[in-house]
Amino acid sequence: MLDLEQQTPQNIEFMIDTIKTKLKMASAAAMQASHFNITQYEDIKELYEVVASKEKFSISEVEALVSELGKLRNK
């Protein structure tokens, strides 16, 4: 298991992949871990923890989470 307290590109990739899988994102291919900066690690981790803690999501929850993830992407 990864130590998510370590701010590494590998951990970002793991969290982004988990979020994409759990949210069943249709545009998952467009959301790559390389699109995120290590300086946003804590924000990504917060989103990951929210997603990891739930089994099912409403459409509005998915939209809100994807929107937040999109805001964290490198421009």
C-alpha atoms as a PDB file:
ATOM      1  CA  MET A   1       0.000   0.000   0.000  1.00  0.00           C
ATOM      2  CA  LEU A   2       1.198   3.460  -0.796  1.00  0.00           C
ATOM      3  CA  ASP A   3       1.970   5.948   1.953  1.00  0.00           C
ATOM      4  CA  LEU A   4      -0.275   8.798   0.903  1.00  0.00           C
ATOM      5  CA  GLU A   5       1.420  11.099   3.414  1.00  0.00           C
ATOM      6  CA  GLN A   6       4.338  11.212   0.946  1.00  0.00           C
ATOM      7  CA  GLN A   7       3.805  13.864  -1.720  1.00  0.00           C
ATOM      8  CA  THR A   8       4.998  11.950  -4.767  1.00  0.00           C
ATOM      9  CA  PRO A   9       3.938  11.846  -8.425  1.00  0.00           C
ATOM     10  CA  GLN A  10       3.204   8.126  -7.945  1.00  0.00           C
ATOM     11  CA  ASN A  11       0.729   8.900  -5.164  1.00  0.00           C
ATOM     12  CA  ILE A  12      -0.953  11.555  -7.296  1.00  0.00           C
ATOM     13  CA  GLU A  13      -1.282   9.009 -10.094  1.00  0.00           C
ATOM     14  CA  PHE A  14      -2.770   6.440  -7.708  1.00  0.00           C
ATOM     15  CA  MET A  15      -5.299   8.922  -6.290  1.00  0.00           C
ATOM     16  CA  ILE A  16      -6.334  10.283  -9.709  1.00  0.00           C
ATOM     17  CA  ASP A  17      -6.744   6.754 -11.090  1.00  0.00           C
ATOM     18  CA  THR A  18      -8.843   5.754  -8.071  1.00  0.00           C
ATOM     19  CA  ILE A  19     -11.043   8.836  -8.421  1.00  0.00           C
ATOM     20  CA  LYS A  20     -11.553   8.187 -12.144  1.00  0.00           C
ATOM     21  CA  THR A  21     -12.450   4.557 -11.530  1.00  0.00           C
ATOM     22  CA  LYS A  22     -14.852   5.173  -8.654  1.00  0.00           C
ATOM     23  CA  LEU A  23     -16.604   8.031 -10.426  1.00  0.00           C
ATOM     24  CA  LYS A  24     -16.774   6.026 -13.687  1.00  0.00           C
ATOM     25  CA  MET A  25     -15.650   9.115 -15.564  1.00  0.00           C
ATOM     26  CA  ALA A  26     -16.534   9.035 -19.239  1.00  0.00           C
ATOM     27  CA  SER A  27     -13.677  11.413 -19.996  1.00  0.00           C
ATOM     28  CA  ALA A  28     -11.170   9.565 -17.829  1.00  0.00           C
ATOM     29  CA  ALA A  29      -8.579   9.474 -20.604  1.00  0.00           C
ATOM     30  CA  ALA A  30      -8.482  13.266 -20.596  1.00  0.00           C
ATOM     31  CA  MET A  31      -7.724  13.347 -16.872  1.00  0.00           C
ATOM     32  CA  GLN A  32      -4.104  12.235 -16.504  1.00  0.00           C
ATOM     33  CA  ALA A  33      -2.034  12.400 -13.327  1.00  0.00           C
ATOM     34  CA  SER A  34       0.577  14.371 -15.264  1.00  0.00           C
ATOM     35  CA  HIS A  35      -1.965  17.206 -15.534  1.00  0.00           C
ATOM     36  CA  PHE A  36      -1.601  17.901 -11.812  1.00  0.00           C
ATOM     37  CA  ASN A  37       1.151  19.654  -9.908  1.00  0.00           C
ATOM     38  CA  ILE A  38       2.649  18.330  -6.667  1.00  0.00           C
ATOM     39  CA  THR A  39       1.787  21.672  -5.033  1.00  0.00           C
ATOM     40  CA  GLN A  40      -1.896  20.650  -5.246  1.00  0.00           C
ATOM     41  CA  TYR A  41      -1.232  17.384  -3.424  1.00  0.00           C
ATOM     42  CA  GLU A  42      -3.305  18.129  -0.309  1.00  0.00           C
ATOM     43  CA  ASP A  43      -6.321  19.234  -2.375  1.00  0.00           C
ATOM     44  CA  ILE A  44      -6.105  16.091  -4.508  1.00  0.00           C
ATOM     45  CA  LYS A  45      -5.778  13.980  -1.369  1.00  0.00           C
ATOM     46  CA  GLU A  46      -8.913  15.587   0.119  1.00  0.00           C
ATOM     47  CA  LEU A  47     -10.901  14.755  -3.029  1.00  0.00           C
ATOM     48  CA  TYR A  48      -9.474  11.228  -3.019  1.00  0.00           C
ATOM     49  CA  GLU A  49     -10.539  10.712   0.608  1.00  0.00           C
ATOM     50  CA  VAL A  50     -14.089  11.870  -0.142  1.00  0.00           C
ATOM     51  CA  VAL A  51     -14.337   9.563  -3.158  1.00  0.00           C
ATOM     52  CA  ALA A  52     -12.708   6.609  -1.383  1.00  0.00           C
ATOM     53  CA  SER A  53     -15.090   6.894   1.573  1.00  0.00           C
ATOM     54  CA  LYS A  54     -18.284   6.378  -0.465  1.00  0.00           C
ATOM     55  CA  GLU A  55     -19.622   3.464  -2.471  1.00  0.00           C
ATOM     56  CA  LYS A  56     -22.151   5.321  -4.620  1.00  0.00           C
ATOM     57  CA  PHE A  57     -22.484   8.863  -5.880  1.00  0.00           C
ATOM     58  CA  SER A  58     -25.416  10.879  -7.169  1.00  0.00           C
ATOM     59  CA  ILE A  59     -25.073  12.553 -10.545  1.00  0.00           C
ATOM     60  CA  SER A  60     -24.756  15.942  -8.877  1.00  0.00           C
ATOM     61  CA  GLU A  61     -22.021  14.623  -6.558  1.00  0.00           C
ATOM     62  CA  VAL A  62     -20.071  13.249  -9.516  1.00  0.00           C
ATOM     63  CA  GLU A  63     -20.428  16.556 -11.359  1.00  0.00           C
ATOM     64  CA  ALA A  64     -19.242  18.523  -8.321  1.00  0.00           C
ATOM     65  CA  LEU A  65     -16.258  16.236  -7.706  1.00  0.00           C
ATOM     66  CA  VAL A  66     -15.225  16.250 -11.364  1.00  0.00           C
ATOM     67  CA  SER A  67     -15.557  20.037 -11.401  1.00  0.00           C
ATOM     68  CA  GLU A  68     -13.297  20.345  -8.356  1.00  0.00           C
ATOM     69  CA  LEU A  69     -10.779  17.973  -9.915  1.00  0.00           C
ATOM     70  CA  GLY A  70     -10.855  20.035 -13.102  1.00  0.00           C
ATOM     71  CA  LYS A  71     -10.046  23.196 -11.145  1.00  0.00           C
ATOM     72  CA  LEU A  72      -6.879  21.557  -9.854  1.00  0.00           C
ATOM     73  CA  ARG A  73      -5.529  20.668 -13.293  1.00  0.00           C
ATOM     74  CA  ASN A  74      -2.515  22.531 -14.632  1.00  0.00           C
ATOM     75  CA  LYS A  75      -3.551  25.195 -17.051  1.00  0.00           C
END
